[in-house]
C-alpha atoms as a PDB file:
ATOM      1  CA  MET A   1      -0.009  -0.007  -0.021  1.00  0.00           C
ATOM      2  CA  ALA A   2       1.113   3.549  -0.710  1.00  0.00           C
ATOM      3  CA  ASP A   3       0.852   4.528   2.942  1.00  0.00           C
ATOM      4  CA  ASP A   4       3.395   1.919   3.980  1.00  0.00           C
ATOM      5  CA  LYS A   5       6.043   3.439   1.717  1.00  0.00           C
ATOM      6  CA  PRO A   6       8.927   5.002   3.872  1.00  0.00           C
ATOM      7  CA  LEU A   7       9.659   8.604   3.805  1.00  0.00           C
ATOM      8  CA  VAL A   8      13.102   9.851   2.657  1.00  0.00           C
ATOM      9  CA  LEU A   9      15.170  12.453   4.634  1.00  0.00           C
ATOM     10  CA  ASN A  10      17.691  14.185   2.348  1.00  0.00           C
ATOM     11  CA  ILE A  11      20.879  15.097   4.151  1.00  0.00           C
ATOM     12  CA  GLY A  12      23.132  16.551   1.558  1.00  0.00           C
ATOM     13  CA  PRO A  13      24.032  13.954  -1.104  1.00  0.00           C
ATOM     14  CA  LEU A  14      22.527  11.162   1.343  1.00  0.00           C
ATOM     15  CA  ALA A  15      18.989   9.876   1.240  1.00  0.00           C
ATOM     16  CA  VAL A  16      18.049   8.332   4.558  1.00  0.00           C
ATOM     17  CA  PRO A  17      14.745   6.271   4.503  1.00  0.00           C
ATOM     18  CA  LEU A  18      12.559   6.900   7.570  1.00  0.00           C
ATOM     19  CA  PRO A  19       9.766   4.713   8.767  1.00  0.00           C
ATOM     20  CA  ARG A  20       6.481   6.612   9.374  1.00  0.00           C
ATOM     21  CA  TRP A  21       6.628   6.010  13.284  1.00  0.00           C
ATOM     22  CA  ALA A  22       9.886   8.209  13.182  1.00  0.00           C
ATOM     23  CA  VAL A  23       7.947  11.129  11.773  1.00  0.00           C
ATOM     24  CA  ALA A  24       5.811  11.328  14.906  1.00  0.00           C
ATOM     25  CA  GLY A  25       8.978  11.383  16.998  1.00  0.00           C
ATOM     26  CA  PHE A  26      10.505  14.278  14.976  1.00  0.00           C
ATOM     27  CA  GLY A  27       7.251  16.130  15.460  1.00  0.00           C
ATOM     28  CA  VAL A  28       7.394  15.745  19.184  1.00  0.00           C
ATOM     29  CA  VAL A  29      11.022  16.984  19.214  1.00  0.00           C
ATOM     30  CA  ALA A  30      10.133  19.908  16.987  1.00  0.00           C
ATOM     31  CA  VAL A  31       7.162  20.899  19.214  1.00  0.00           C
ATOM     32  CA  CYS A  32       9.413  20.878  22.319  1.00  0.00           C
ATOM     33  CA  PHE A  33      12.124  22.874  20.615  1.00  0.00           C
ATOM     34  CA  SER A  34       9.628  25.453  19.516  1.00  0.00           C
ATOM     35  CA  ALA A  35       8.175  25.702  22.933  1.00  0.00           C
ATOM     36  CA  GLY A  36      11.578  26.191  24.519  1.00  0.00           C
ATOM     37  CA  VAL A  37      12.474  29.020  22.083  1.00  0.00           C
ATOM     38  CA  ALA A  38       9.028  30.556  22.753  1.00  0.00           C
ATOM     39  CA  TYR A  39       9.670  30.433  26.467  1.00  0.00           C
ATOM     40  CA  ARG A  40      13.096  32.066  26.189  1.00  0.00           C
ATOM     41  CA  GLN A  41      11.528  34.917  24.236  1.00  0.00           C
ATOM     42  CA  VAL A  42       8.906  35.526  26.833  1.00  0.00           C
ATOM     43  CA  PHE A  43      11.096  34.795  29.792  1.00  0.00           C
ATOM     44  CA  PRO A  44      14.712  35.542  28.903  1.00  0.00           C
ATOM     45  CA  PRO A  45      17.467  34.335  31.294  1.00  0.00           C
ATOM     46  CA  GLN A  46      18.296  36.822  33.863  1.00  0.00           C
ATOM     47  CA  PRO A  47      21.939  37.890  33.726  1.00  0.00           C
ATOM     48  CA  GLU A  48      23.996  37.547  36.885  1.00  0.00           C
ATOM     49  CA  LEU A  49      24.184  40.999  38.314  1.00  0.00           C
ATOM     50  CA  VAL A  50      27.459  40.513  40.048  1.00  0.00           C
ATOM     51  CA  THR A  51      29.809  37.655  39.267  1.00  0.00           C
ATOM     52  CA  GLN A  52      31.855  35.858  41.899  1.00  0.00           C
ATOM     53  CA  ARG A  53      34.925  37.450  40.500  1.00  0.00           C
ATOM     54  CA  GLN A  54      33.501  40.946  40.553  1.00  0.00           C
ATOM     55  CA  ALA A  55      32.450  40.466  44.117  1.00  0.00           C
ATOM     56  CA  ASN A  56      35.939  39.203  45.223  1.00  0.00           C
ATOM     57  CA  ASP A  57      37.550  42.233  43.344  1.00  0.00           C
ATOM     58  CA  ALA A  58      35.225  44.593  45.151  1.00  0.00           C
ATOM     59  CA  LEU A  59      36.065  43.009  48.460  1.00  0.00           C
ATOM     60  CA  SER A  60      39.785  43.316  47.784  1.00  0.00           C
ATOM     61  CA  ARG A  61      39.402  47.031  46.910  1.00  0.00           C
ATOM     62  CA  GLU A  62      37.287  47.736  50.022  1.00  0.00           C
ATOM     63  CA  ILE A  63      39.971  45.977  52.283  1.00  0.00           C
ATOM     64  CA  ALA A  64      42.888  47.628  50.624  1.00  0.00           C
ATOM     65  CA  GLU A  65      41.430  51.138  50.708  1.00  0.00           C
ATOM     66  CA  TYR A  66      40.401  50.708  54.432  1.00  0.00           C
ATOM     67  CA  ASN A  67      43.975  49.340  55.396  1.00  0.00           C
ATOM     68  CA  ARG A  68      45.589  52.471  53.868  1.00  0.00           C
ATOM     69  CA  HIS A  69      43.689  54.670  56.222  1.00  0.00           C
ATOM     70  CA  ILE A  70      43.318  52.602  59.414  1.00  0.00           C
ATOM     71  CA  MET A  71      46.313  54.288  61.042  1.00  0.00           C
ATOM     72  CA  ASP A  72      45.887  57.756  59.434  1.00  0.00           C
ATOM     73  CA  GLU A  73      44.234  60.433  61.444  1.00  0.00           C
ATOM     74  CA  GLY A  74      43.349  62.315  58.340  1.00  0.00           C
ATOM     75  CA  LEU A  75      43.626  66.011  57.317  1.00  0.00           C
ATOM     76  CA  ARG A  76      40.345  67.097  58.859  1.00  0.00           C
ATOM     77  CA  SER A  77      37.718  65.531  61.208  1.00  0.00           C
ATOM     78  CA  GLU A  78      34.398  67.193  61.723  1.00  0.00           C
ATOM     79  CA  VAL A  79      31.412  66.167  63.855  1.00  0.00           C
ATOM     80  CA  MET A  80      28.364  67.150  61.737  1.00  0.00           C
ATOM     81  CA  PHE A  81      25.962  66.484  64.749  1.00  0.00           C
ATOM     82  CA  ASP A  82      25.821  64.742  68.108  1.00  0.00           C
ATOM     83  CA  ALA A  83      22.522  64.403  69.831  1.00  0.00           C
ATOM     84  CA  ALA A  84      21.060  62.015  72.305  1.00  0.00           C
ATOM     85  CA  ASP A  85      17.982  61.325  70.108  1.00  0.00           C
ATOM     86  CA  ARG A  86      19.839  61.098  66.784  1.00  0.00           C
ATOM     87  CA  GLY A  87      23.202  59.754  67.658  1.00  0.00           C
ATOM     88  CA  ALA A  88      26.312  61.236  66.071  1.00  0.00           C
ATOM     89  CA  LEU A  89      27.774  61.665  62.522  1.00  0.00           C
ATOM     90  CA  THR A  90      31.481  62.237  62.032  1.00  0.00           C
ATOM     91  CA  VAL A  91      33.219  62.761  58.711  1.00  0.00           C
ATOM     92  CA  ARG A  92      37.056  62.491  58.328  1.00  0.00           C
ATOM     93  CA  ALA A  93      38.824  63.657  55.187  1.00  0.00           C
ATOM     94  CA  TYR A  94      42.195  62.268  54.009  1.00  0.00           C
ATOM     95  CA  ALA A  95      44.982  63.667  51.795  1.00  0.00           C
ATOM     96  CA  ASP A  96      44.371  61.249  49.001  1.00  0.00           C
ATOM     97  CA  GLY A  97      40.681  62.379  48.595  1.00  0.00           C
ATOM     98  CA  CYS A  98      39.102  59.655  50.513  1.00  0.00           C
ATOM     99  CA  VAL A  99      36.436  60.231  53.096  1.00  0.00           C
ATOM    100  CA  LEU A 100      35.571  58.129  56.212  1.00  0.00           C
ATOM    101  CA  ILE A 101      32.052  58.369  57.543  1.00  0.00           C
ATOM    102  CA  GLN A 102      31.179  57.124  61.023  1.00  0.00           C
ATOM    103  CA  ARG A 103      27.577  57.044  62.218  1.00  0.00           C
ATOM    104  CA  ARG A 104      26.757  56.279  65.923  1.00  0.00           C
ATOM    105  CA  ALA A 105      23.122  55.389  66.771  1.00  0.00           C
ATOM    106  CA  PRO A 106      21.523  56.473  69.978  1.00  0.00           C
ATOM    107  CA  ALA A 107      21.775  52.886  71.248  1.00  0.00           C
ATOM    108  CA  GLY A 108      25.600  52.958  70.732  1.00  0.00           C
ATOM    109  CA  GLN A 109      25.892  50.934  67.539  1.00  0.00           C
ATOM    110  CA  ILE A 110      28.640  52.216  65.195  1.00  0.00           C
ATOM    111  CA  LEU A 111      28.767  52.053  61.457  1.00  0.00           C
ATOM    112  CA  THR A 112      31.933  52.984  59.612  1.00  0.00           C
ATOM    113  CA  ARG A 113      32.190  53.368  55.852  1.00  0.00           C
ATOM    114  CA  LEU A 114      35.141  54.483  53.789  1.00  0.00           C
ATOM    115  CA  VAL A 115      34.300  56.308  50.522  1.00  0.00           C
ATOM    116  CA  PRO A 116      37.337  56.243  48.191  1.00  0.00           C
ATOM    117  CA  ASP A 117      38.238  59.043  45.900  1.00  0.00           C
ATOM    118  CA  LEU A 118      36.302  58.237  42.752  1.00  0.00           C
ATOM    119  CA  SER A 119      38.723  60.091  40.544  1.00  0.00           C
ATOM    120  CA  ARG A 120      41.289  57.539  41.184  1.00  0.00           C
ATOM    121  CA  ALA A 121      41.494  54.162  39.467  1.00  0.00           C
ATOM    122  CA  PRO A 122      40.340  51.286  41.618  1.00  0.00           C
ATOM    123  CA  ALA A 123      43.068  49.640  43.725  1.00  0.00           C
ATOM    124  CA  ALA A 124      44.460  46.576  42.089  1.00  0.00           C
ATOM    125  CA  ASP A 125      45.563  44.932  45.279  1.00  0.00           C
ATOM    126  CA  ALA A 126      44.544  41.306  45.534  1.00  0.00           C
ATOM    127  CA  ILE A 127      43.771  40.357  49.201  1.00  0.00           C
ATOM    128  CA  PRO A 128      44.777  36.685  49.605  1.00  0.00           C
ATOM    129  CA  GLN A 129      42.474  34.277  51.423  1.00  0.00           C
ATOM    130  CA  HIS A 130      43.533  33.564  55.106  1.00  0.00           C
ATOM    131  CA  SER A 131      43.839  29.845  55.377  1.00  0.00           C
ATOM    132  CA  SER A 132      45.793  29.262  58.623  1.00  0.00           C
ATOM    133  CA  ARG A 133      42.901  29.970  60.971  1.00  0.00           C
ATOM    134  CA  GLY A 134      39.389  28.603  61.550  1.00  0.00           C
ATOM    135  CA  PRO A 135      36.371  30.806  61.984  1.00  0.00           C
ATOM    136  CA  LEU A 136      36.531  33.591  64.479  1.00  0.00           C
ATOM    137  CA  SER A 137      34.024  31.961  66.736  1.00  0.00           C
ATOM    138  CA  ALA A 138      36.515  29.089  67.467  1.00  0.00           C
ATOM    139  CA  LEU A 139      39.070  31.496  69.014  1.00  0.00           C
ATOM    140  CA  VAL A 140      39.368  32.187  72.695  1.00  0.00           C
ATOM    141  CA  PRO A 141      39.723  35.980  73.123  1.00  0.00           C
ATOM    142  CA  THR A 142      42.202  36.085  76.056  1.00  0.00           C
ATOM    143  CA  LEU A 143      45.077  38.135  74.528  1.00  0.00           C
ATOM    144  CA  GLU A 144      43.162  41.485  74.668  1.00  0.00           C
ATOM    145  CA  ALA A 145      42.313  40.987  78.342  1.00  0.00           C
ATOM    146  CA  GLN A 146      45.966  40.512  79.146  1.00  0.00           C
ATOM    147  CA  GLY A 147      46.665  44.065  78.083  1.00  0.00           C
ATOM    148  CA  ARG A 148      49.634  43.278  75.991  1.00  0.00           C
ATOM    149  CA  CYS A 149      48.429  44.248  72.541  1.00  0.00           C
ATOM    150  CA  LEU A 150      49.163  47.729  71.212  1.00  0.00           C
ATOM    151  CA  ASN A 151      46.098  49.260  69.616  1.00  0.00           C
ATOM    152  CA  PRO A 152      46.528  51.167  67.319  1.00  0.00           C
ATOM    153  CA  HIS A 153      49.504  48.946  66.387  1.00  0.00           C
ATOM    154  CA  PRO A 154      52.544  50.554  64.754  1.00  0.00           C
ATOM    155  CA  GLY A 155      54.260  49.173  61.652  1.00  0.00           C
ATOM    156  CA  ALA A 156      53.326  47.675  58.372  1.00  0.00           C
ATOM    157  CA  PHE A 157      51.023  44.636  58.081  1.00  0.00           C
ATOM    158  CA  LYS A 158      49.768  42.068  55.636  1.00  0.00           C
ATOM    159  CA  ALA A 159      46.089  41.690  55.226  1.00  0.00           C
ATOM    160  CA  THR A 160      44.151  38.559  54.304  1.00  0.00           C
ATOM    161  CA  SER A 161      40.380  37.735  54.187  1.00  0.00           C
ATOM    162  CA  GLY A 162      39.172  34.831  56.290  1.00  0.00           C
ATOM    163  CA  ALA A 163      35.979  33.065  56.929  1.00  0.00           C
ATOM    164  CA  ARG A 164      32.655  34.328  55.867  1.00  0.00           C
ATOM    165  CA  ASN A 165      29.326  34.099  57.729  1.00  0.00           C
ATOM    166  CA  GLY A 166      26.642  35.525  55.457  1.00  0.00           C
ATOM    167  CA  CYS A 167      27.500  39.119  54.777  1.00  0.00           C
ATOM    168  CA  VAL A 168      30.252  39.321  57.421  1.00  0.00           C
ATOM    169  CA  VAL A 169      33.819  38.628  56.442  1.00  0.00           C
ATOM    170  CA  GLU A 170      36.919  38.278  58.706  1.00  0.00           C
ATOM    171  CA  VAL A 171      39.779  40.518  57.762  1.00  0.00           C
ATOM    172  CA  TRP A 172      43.099  39.369  59.264  1.00  0.00           C
ATOM    173  CA  ARG A 173      46.069  41.644  59.683  1.00  0.00           C
ATOM    174  CA  GLU A 174      49.509  40.270  60.547  1.00  0.00           C
ATOM    175  CA  PHE A 175      52.062  42.879  61.509  1.00  0.00           C
ATOM    176  CA  ALA A 176      55.857  42.819  60.835  1.00  0.00           C
ATOM    177  CA  ASP A 177      56.545  41.990  64.495  1.00  0.00           C
ATOM    178  CA  GLY A 178      54.362  38.883  64.416  1.00  0.00           C
ATOM    179  CA  CYS A 179      51.224  40.251  66.024  1.00  0.00           C
ATOM    180  CA  GLU A 180      47.998  39.592  64.539  1.00  0.00           C
ATOM    181  CA  HIS A 181      44.389  40.714  64.830  1.00  0.00           C
ATOM    182  CA  VAL A 182      41.065  40.358  63.014  1.00  0.00           C
ATOM    183  CA  GLN A 183      38.325  42.921  62.212  1.00  0.00           C
ATOM    184  CA  LEU A 184      34.868  42.081  60.777  1.00  0.00           C
ATOM    185  CA  LEU A 185      33.554  43.657  57.445  1.00  0.00           C
ATOM    186  CA  ASN A 186      29.864  43.674  56.612  1.00  0.00           C
ATOM    187  CA  THR A 187      30.061  43.357  52.873  1.00  0.00           C
ATOM    188  CA  CYS A 188      26.363  43.965  52.341  1.00  0.00           C
ATOM    189  CA  SER A 189      26.545  47.394  53.796  1.00  0.00           C
ATOM    190  CA  ASN A 190      30.282  48.014  53.369  1.00  0.00           C
ATOM    191  CA  THR A 191      30.700  48.864  56.938  1.00  0.00           C
ATOM    192  CA  TRP A 192      33.475  47.841  59.438  1.00  0.00           C
ATOM    193  CA  ALA A 193      33.237  46.829  63.114  1.00  0.00           C
ATOM    194  CA  THR A 194      34.113  49.981  65.099  1.00  0.00           C
ATOM    195  CA  ASN A 195      34.471  50.876  68.797  1.00  0.00           C
ATOM    196  CA  PRO A 196      32.343  53.640  70.365  1.00  0.00           C
ATOM    197  CA  ASP A 197      35.189  56.085  69.991  1.00  0.00           C
ATOM    198  CA  GLY A 198      35.326  55.376  66.238  1.00  0.00           C
ATOM    199  CA  SER A 199      38.432  53.276  66.219  1.00  0.00           C
ATOM    200  CA  PRO A 200      38.611  49.873  64.543  1.00  0.00           C
ATOM    201  CA  GLN A 201      37.168  47.121  66.742  1.00  0.00           C
ATOM    202  CA  VAL A 202      39.638  44.221  66.430  1.00  0.00           C
ATOM    203  CA  ARG A 203      40.273  41.098  68.223  1.00  0.00           C
ATOM    204  CA  TRP A 204      43.903  40.162  68.840  1.00  0.00           C
ATOM    205  CA  THR A 205      45.029  36.558  68.325  1.00  0.00           C
ATOM    206  CA  LYS A 206      48.799  37.120  68.572  1.00  0.00           C
ATOM    207  CA  CYS A 207      50.788  39.488  70.881  1.00  0.00           C
ATOM    208  CA  ARG A 208      54.542  39.615  71.156  1.00  0.00           C
ATOM    209  CA  HIS A 209      54.988  42.506  73.588  1.00  0.00           C
END
């Protein structure tokens, strides 16, 4: 019968006979493919807003910029307001054009944010990962109670990033004399852990004084 005659699929110079049951299979594939194309047209894939590499680069720049100013008193510091019901706002300007903003809430919480000079190219410093320590919660904070740690600490230091807990990242600093401390950075708000007097809030893990 004519209906039993196989169909022929021409692929270039080749003629491939196809049974009629295969035609139905190709039809299903074609329908699924068309549905997928239509779905992508209506609901296009959302691009990743920030890649992991971009996030790591931003973290490195934030740490590098903050470390440049951690021991610098700045050119000018001005208290914009200080009231019991509003807290306090202090702005500190630096010679390189950066600005440090510290906001103290009435309850005593402190937020510190460094705004770099946007006319300069972003810092290219790569902050390595701190791998020789476990999470901060595993440490026993006894060194600071002994009163042997100098804060602020003089001398150059090497910074590394450590464990992350949600938005909070540990930033470790090892000084030339072997002393070491850690400070917390909230990457979601770009704010640093700060003492009530505006100084960096650090936890010492090594002291050699």
